[in-house]
N, C-alpha and C. Protein backbone atom coordinates (compact mmCIF):
# COMPACT_ATOMS: atom_id res chain seq x y z
N MET A 1 9.81 18.73 75.83
CA MET A 1 9.72 20.00 75.12
C MET A 1 9.93 19.77 73.48
N LYS A 2 9.53 19.98 72.51
CA LYS A 2 9.51 19.36 71.19
C LYS A 2 10.88 20.61 70.88
N THR A 3 11.78 19.52 69.92
CA THR A 3 12.36 20.37 68.84
C THR A 3 12.54 21.20 67.84
N PRO A 4 12.81 22.34 67.72
CA PRO A 4 11.84 23.07 66.44
C PRO A 4 12.16 22.39 65.58
N LYS A 5 11.22 22.53 64.30
CA LYS A 5 11.72 21.56 62.90
C LYS A 5 12.53 22.46 61.80
N ARG A 6 13.41 21.94 61.25
CA ARG A 6 14.33 22.78 60.79
C ARG A 6 13.89 23.16 59.65
N ARG A 7 14.26 24.21 58.94
CA ARG A 7 13.41 24.94 57.84
C ARG A 7 14.08 24.81 56.67
N ALA A 8 13.78 24.90 55.22
CA ALA A 8 14.46 24.96 54.15
C ALA A 8 15.23 26.19 54.25
N ILE A 9 16.42 25.95 53.68
CA ILE A 9 17.75 27.04 53.70
C ILE A 9 17.98 27.10 51.99
N LEU A 10 17.95 28.50 51.50
CA LEU A 10 18.18 28.54 50.43
C LEU A 10 19.81 28.73 50.17
N ILE A 11 20.54 28.34 49.35
CA ILE A 11 21.75 28.01 49.44
C ILE A 11 22.29 28.50 48.29
N LEU A 12 21.63 28.71 46.93
CA LEU A 12 21.88 29.15 45.47
C LEU A 12 20.65 29.76 44.90
N SER A 13 20.55 30.84 44.41
CA SER A 13 19.54 31.31 43.72
C SER A 13 20.47 32.01 42.82
N GLU A 14 19.94 31.83 41.39
CA GLU A 14 20.31 33.16 40.40
C GLU A 14 19.80 33.02 38.94
N LYS A 15 19.40 34.02 38.46
CA LYS A 15 18.88 34.17 37.46
C LYS A 15 19.47 35.03 36.39
N VAL A 16 19.89 34.27 35.39
CA VAL A 16 20.55 35.07 34.56
C VAL A 16 20.80 34.87 33.22
N PRO A 17 20.57 36.19 32.36
CA PRO A 17 20.07 36.26 30.77
C PRO A 17 21.47 36.10 30.74
N LEU A 18 21.42 34.86 29.97
CA LEU A 18 22.97 34.45 28.90
C LEU A 18 23.05 35.30 27.56
N ASP A 19 24.06 35.55 26.94
CA ASP A 19 24.44 36.38 26.05
C ASP A 19 23.44 35.84 24.81
N CYS A 20 23.67 34.65 24.76
CA CYS A 20 22.51 34.09 23.73
C CYS A 20 21.03 34.05 23.58
N GLY A 21 20.72 34.94 24.60
CA GLY A 21 19.40 35.40 24.62
C GLY A 21 18.66 34.14 25.64
N LEU A 22 19.19 33.04 25.93
CA LEU A 22 18.37 32.10 26.83
C LEU A 22 18.61 32.56 28.30
N LEU A 23 17.96 31.97 29.01
CA LEU A 23 17.73 32.48 30.78
C LEU A 23 17.89 31.09 31.26
N ARG A 24 19.18 31.58 32.56
CA ARG A 24 19.37 30.44 33.27
C ARG A 24 19.01 30.72 34.61
N GLU A 25 18.04 29.94 34.85
CA GLU A 25 17.57 29.76 36.57
C GLU A 25 17.93 28.61 37.42
N VAL A 26 18.64 29.07 38.66
CA VAL A 26 19.17 27.97 39.25
C VAL A 26 19.07 28.44 40.77
N VAL A 27 18.32 27.30 41.30
CA VAL A 27 17.96 27.21 42.84
C VAL A 27 17.85 26.01 43.14
N VAL A 28 18.73 26.29 44.88
CA VAL A 28 18.96 25.30 45.36
C VAL A 28 18.69 25.50 46.75
N TRP A 29 17.93 24.49 47.43
CA TRP A 29 17.52 24.40 48.77
C TRP A 29 18.00 23.49 49.71
N SER A 30 18.47 23.50 51.03
CA SER A 30 19.29 23.08 51.71
C SER A 30 17.94 22.51 52.94
N VAL A 31 17.39 21.01 52.35
CA VAL A 31 15.74 20.50 53.19
C VAL A 31 16.00 19.81 54.24
N PRO A 32 15.16 19.47 55.19
CA PRO A 32 15.26 18.40 56.28
C PRO A 32 15.31 17.12 54.93
N VAL A 33 16.36 16.04 55.60
CA VAL A 33 16.10 14.83 55.00
C VAL A 33 14.79 14.40 55.64
N SER A 34 14.26 13.73 54.50
CA SER A 34 12.98 13.01 54.60
C SER A 34 12.65 11.87 53.72
N THR A 35 12.05 11.58 53.62
CA THR A 35 11.09 10.64 52.23
C THR A 35 11.07 11.51 51.07
N LYS A 36 10.68 12.58 51.23
CA LYS A 36 10.51 13.14 49.98
C LYS A 36 11.90 13.77 49.43
N TYR A 37 12.67 14.14 50.41
CA TYR A 37 13.99 14.76 49.85
C TYR A 37 14.80 14.08 50.79
N PRO A 38 15.38 12.45 50.47
CA PRO A 38 16.00 11.78 51.51
C PRO A 38 17.68 12.38 51.12
N ASP A 39 18.06 13.37 50.20
CA ASP A 39 19.55 13.28 50.08
C ASP A 39 19.87 14.84 50.99
N GLY A 40 18.65 15.35 51.02
CA GLY A 40 18.23 16.86 51.87
C GLY A 40 18.71 17.92 51.32
N VAL A 41 18.30 17.86 49.80
CA VAL A 41 18.51 19.25 48.86
C VAL A 41 17.26 18.97 47.93
N LYS A 42 16.90 20.19 47.59
CA LYS A 42 15.68 20.37 46.74
C LYS A 42 16.43 21.20 45.71
N TYR A 43 15.82 21.28 44.42
CA TYR A 43 16.48 22.03 43.69
C TYR A 43 15.89 22.14 41.96
N HIS A 44 15.92 23.15 41.18
CA HIS A 44 15.65 23.00 39.88
C HIS A 44 16.65 23.80 39.13
N LEU A 45 17.06 23.29 38.12
CA LEU A 45 18.17 24.28 37.36
C LEU A 45 17.60 24.06 36.02
N ALA A 46 17.73 25.53 35.29
CA ALA A 46 16.51 25.35 34.43
C ALA A 46 17.40 26.27 33.16
N LEU A 47 17.51 25.89 31.55
CA LEU A 47 18.05 26.72 30.39
C LEU A 47 16.71 27.03 30.03
N VAL A 48 16.40 27.89 29.57
CA VAL A 48 14.62 28.44 28.77
C VAL A 48 15.06 29.60 27.99
N ASP A 49 14.24 29.53 26.97
CA ASP A 49 13.79 30.34 26.15
C ASP A 49 13.16 31.56 26.62
N PRO A 50 13.07 32.50 27.21
CA PRO A 50 12.41 33.56 27.70
C PRO A 50 11.10 34.03 26.16
N LEU A 51 11.84 34.09 25.33
CA LEU A 51 10.62 34.54 24.32
C LEU A 51 9.40 33.45 24.14
N SER A 52 9.77 32.10 24.28
CA SER A 52 9.00 30.93 23.67
C SER A 52 8.28 30.49 24.81
N GLY A 53 9.34 30.31 25.88
CA GLY A 53 8.99 29.52 27.12
C GLY A 53 9.44 28.24 26.82
N ASN A 54 9.99 27.78 25.84
CA ASN A 54 10.66 26.40 25.61
C ASN A 54 11.97 25.93 26.57
N VAL A 55 11.81 24.96 27.05
CA VAL A 55 12.67 24.20 28.23
C VAL A 55 14.00 23.62 27.17
N TRP A 56 14.83 24.30 27.37
CA TRP A 56 15.83 23.65 26.56
C TRP A 56 16.98 22.81 27.59
N LEU A 57 16.58 22.53 29.00
CA LEU A 57 17.33 22.03 29.79
C LEU A 57 16.82 22.35 31.13
N LEU A 58 16.65 20.86 31.79
CA LEU A 58 15.96 21.34 33.40
C LEU A 58 16.23 20.10 34.30
N PHE A 59 17.04 20.48 35.30
CA PHE A 59 17.43 19.43 36.30
C PHE A 59 16.56 19.74 37.80
N ASP A 60 15.33 18.89 38.17
CA ASP A 60 14.76 19.17 39.36
C ASP A 60 14.69 17.92 39.79
N ASN A 61 14.40 17.81 41.02
CA ASN A 61 13.49 16.24 41.93
C ASN A 61 12.62 16.48 42.80
N HIS A 62 11.56 16.81 42.13
CA HIS A 62 10.10 16.85 42.87
C HIS A 62 10.01 15.69 43.42
N TYR A 63 9.15 15.60 44.41
CA TYR A 63 8.50 14.30 44.98
C TYR A 63 7.07 14.14 43.63
N PRO A 64 6.78 12.95 43.50
CA PRO A 64 7.82 11.78 43.90
C PRO A 64 8.38 11.06 43.11
N LYS A 65 9.09 12.08 42.07
CA LYS A 65 9.92 11.36 40.77
C LYS A 65 11.41 11.38 41.33
N GLY A 66 11.62 12.34 42.28
CA GLY A 66 13.19 12.34 42.49
C GLY A 66 14.50 12.98 41.48
N HIS A 67 15.37 12.69 41.52
CA HIS A 67 16.32 13.51 40.75
C HIS A 67 16.15 12.86 39.44
N HIS A 68 15.76 13.77 38.25
CA HIS A 68 16.07 13.58 37.03
C HIS A 68 15.81 14.70 36.25
N GLN A 69 16.12 14.75 34.85
CA GLN A 69 16.10 15.75 33.71
C GLN A 69 15.38 15.93 32.93
N HIS A 70 15.30 17.12 32.35
CA HIS A 70 14.24 17.28 31.13
C HIS A 70 14.95 17.34 30.38
N SER A 71 15.01 17.23 28.58
CA SER A 71 15.43 17.60 27.92
C SER A 71 14.40 18.48 26.68
N ARG A 72 15.03 19.28 26.06
CA ARG A 72 14.45 20.04 25.00
C ARG A 72 13.27 19.33 24.10
N ASP A 73 13.70 18.08 23.83
CA ASP A 73 12.51 17.55 23.42
C ASP A 73 11.57 16.74 24.03
N GLY A 74 11.80 16.70 25.21
CA GLY A 74 10.43 16.50 26.09
C GLY A 74 10.78 15.07 26.90
N VAL A 75 11.84 14.86 26.61
CA VAL A 75 12.15 13.03 27.19
C VAL A 75 12.64 13.68 28.73
N GLU A 76 12.56 12.99 29.19
CA GLU A 76 12.82 12.74 30.64
C GLU A 76 13.79 11.54 31.31
N ASN A 77 14.88 11.89 31.93
CA ASN A 77 15.70 10.84 32.27
C ASN A 77 16.07 10.87 33.77
N PRO A 78 16.07 9.91 34.46
CA PRO A 78 16.80 9.84 35.69
C PRO A 78 18.26 10.40 36.12
N LEU A 79 18.55 10.88 36.90
CA LEU A 79 19.64 11.47 37.43
C LEU A 79 20.19 10.70 38.25
N ILE A 80 21.43 10.81 38.60
CA ILE A 80 22.06 9.86 39.72
C ILE A 80 22.71 10.94 40.61
N TYR A 81 22.28 11.26 42.09
CA TYR A 81 22.44 12.08 42.88
C TYR A 81 23.67 11.54 43.73
N THR A 82 24.87 12.41 43.51
CA THR A 82 25.92 12.30 44.51
C THR A 82 26.10 13.37 45.30
N ASN A 83 26.15 14.25 44.67
CA ASN A 83 26.71 15.44 45.62
C ASN A 83 26.15 16.73 45.03
N LEU A 84 25.95 18.29 45.43
CA LEU A 84 25.53 19.16 44.89
C LEU A 84 26.77 19.35 43.95
N THR A 85 27.56 19.65 44.31
CA THR A 85 29.20 19.91 43.20
C THR A 85 28.78 18.99 41.92
N ASP A 86 28.75 17.93 41.95
CA ASP A 86 28.97 17.05 41.07
C ASP A 86 27.55 17.29 40.04
N LEU A 87 26.34 17.45 40.73
CA LEU A 87 25.37 18.16 40.09
C LEU A 87 25.31 19.26 39.18
N LEU A 88 25.85 20.36 39.98
CA LEU A 88 26.05 21.78 39.17
C LEU A 88 27.30 21.40 38.52
N THR A 89 28.19 20.80 38.21
CA THR A 89 29.12 20.56 37.28
C THR A 89 28.69 19.44 36.07
N LEU A 90 27.79 18.51 36.32
CA LEU A 90 26.78 18.10 35.08
C LEU A 90 25.85 18.86 34.39
N TYR A 91 25.19 20.00 35.44
CA TYR A 91 24.46 20.86 35.19
C TYR A 91 25.11 22.07 33.83
N TYR A 92 26.06 22.70 34.26
CA TYR A 92 26.80 23.51 33.79
C TYR A 92 27.37 23.24 32.41
N GLU A 93 27.94 21.69 32.34
CA GLU A 93 28.57 20.88 31.49
C GLU A 93 27.04 20.86 30.44
N GLN A 94 26.36 20.68 30.42
CA GLN A 94 25.11 20.33 29.62
C GLN A 94 24.24 21.14 29.25
N GLU A 95 24.63 22.55 29.84
CA GLU A 95 23.98 23.80 29.75
C GLU A 95 25.20 24.31 28.61
N LYS A 96 26.11 24.18 28.62
CA LYS A 96 26.76 24.81 27.49
C LYS A 96 26.81 24.05 26.14
N ALA A 97 26.57 22.86 26.58
CA ALA A 97 26.30 22.00 25.05
C ALA A 97 25.01 22.53 24.58
N GLU A 98 24.09 22.77 25.19
CA GLU A 98 22.57 23.24 24.70
C GLU A 98 22.65 24.83 24.24
N VAL A 99 23.55 25.48 24.92
CA VAL A 99 24.16 27.12 24.03
C VAL A 99 24.44 26.80 23.11
N GLU A 100 25.51 25.99 22.92
CA GLU A 100 26.25 26.22 21.52
C GLU A 100 25.11 25.34 20.74
N ARG A 101 24.38 24.34 20.74
CA ARG A 101 22.95 23.80 20.01
C ARG A 101 22.04 24.90 19.55
N TYR A 102 21.91 25.91 20.55
CA TYR A 102 20.86 27.06 20.45
C TYR A 102 21.45 27.83 19.42
N GLU A 103 22.91 28.39 19.61
CA GLU A 103 23.42 29.14 18.58
C GLU A 103 23.95 29.03 17.10
N SER A 104 24.21 27.56 17.09
CA SER A 104 24.41 26.82 15.71
C SER A 104 23.01 27.06 14.97
N ASP A 105 21.93 26.60 15.80
CA ASP A 105 20.34 26.56 15.19
C ASP A 105 19.90 28.05 14.88
N ALA A 106 20.01 28.94 15.45
CA ALA A 106 20.10 30.23 15.23
C ALA A 106 21.00 30.98 13.97
N ASN A 107 21.92 30.39 13.89
CA ASN A 107 22.75 31.08 12.72
C ASN A 107 22.56 30.05 11.42
N ARG A 108 21.64 29.18 11.44
CA ARG A 108 21.05 28.62 10.42
C ARG A 108 19.63 29.27 9.92
N SER A 109 18.84 29.54 10.50
CA SER A 109 18.17 30.57 10.42
C SER A 109 18.16 31.79 9.40
C-alpha cells in the first residue's frame, strides 16, 4: 500500500495595510522536503506600494532560485536560510527600515 503524499500546509498568512500606506503580505507554507524545497518551506514575504505596484521588499524561495530577496531598486541577493524564526526576524527588521525610508521620502515630496 502506498503512503499518501504529504500536502503543503499553510502555516502563516497575513495581508496587512500599514499606517504609512504600504501593504505587507506574508505567506508561509510547510511543504514536503524535495529537491525544489530542501528546507521544507515555501514563502513570500512582501512589502508593496498598492497604489503604484512597486515592490519595496520581497523575500521568496521559488524554484530554481532558492532563498533570495528583492530590493526596491530591483536587485536580487541570495538569502542564507537557517530557520523560519530567523527569516521572519530578518524580514521584519528590513521591512521596518524600508517603511522608515518610505515615510522619509513621502515627507520630502
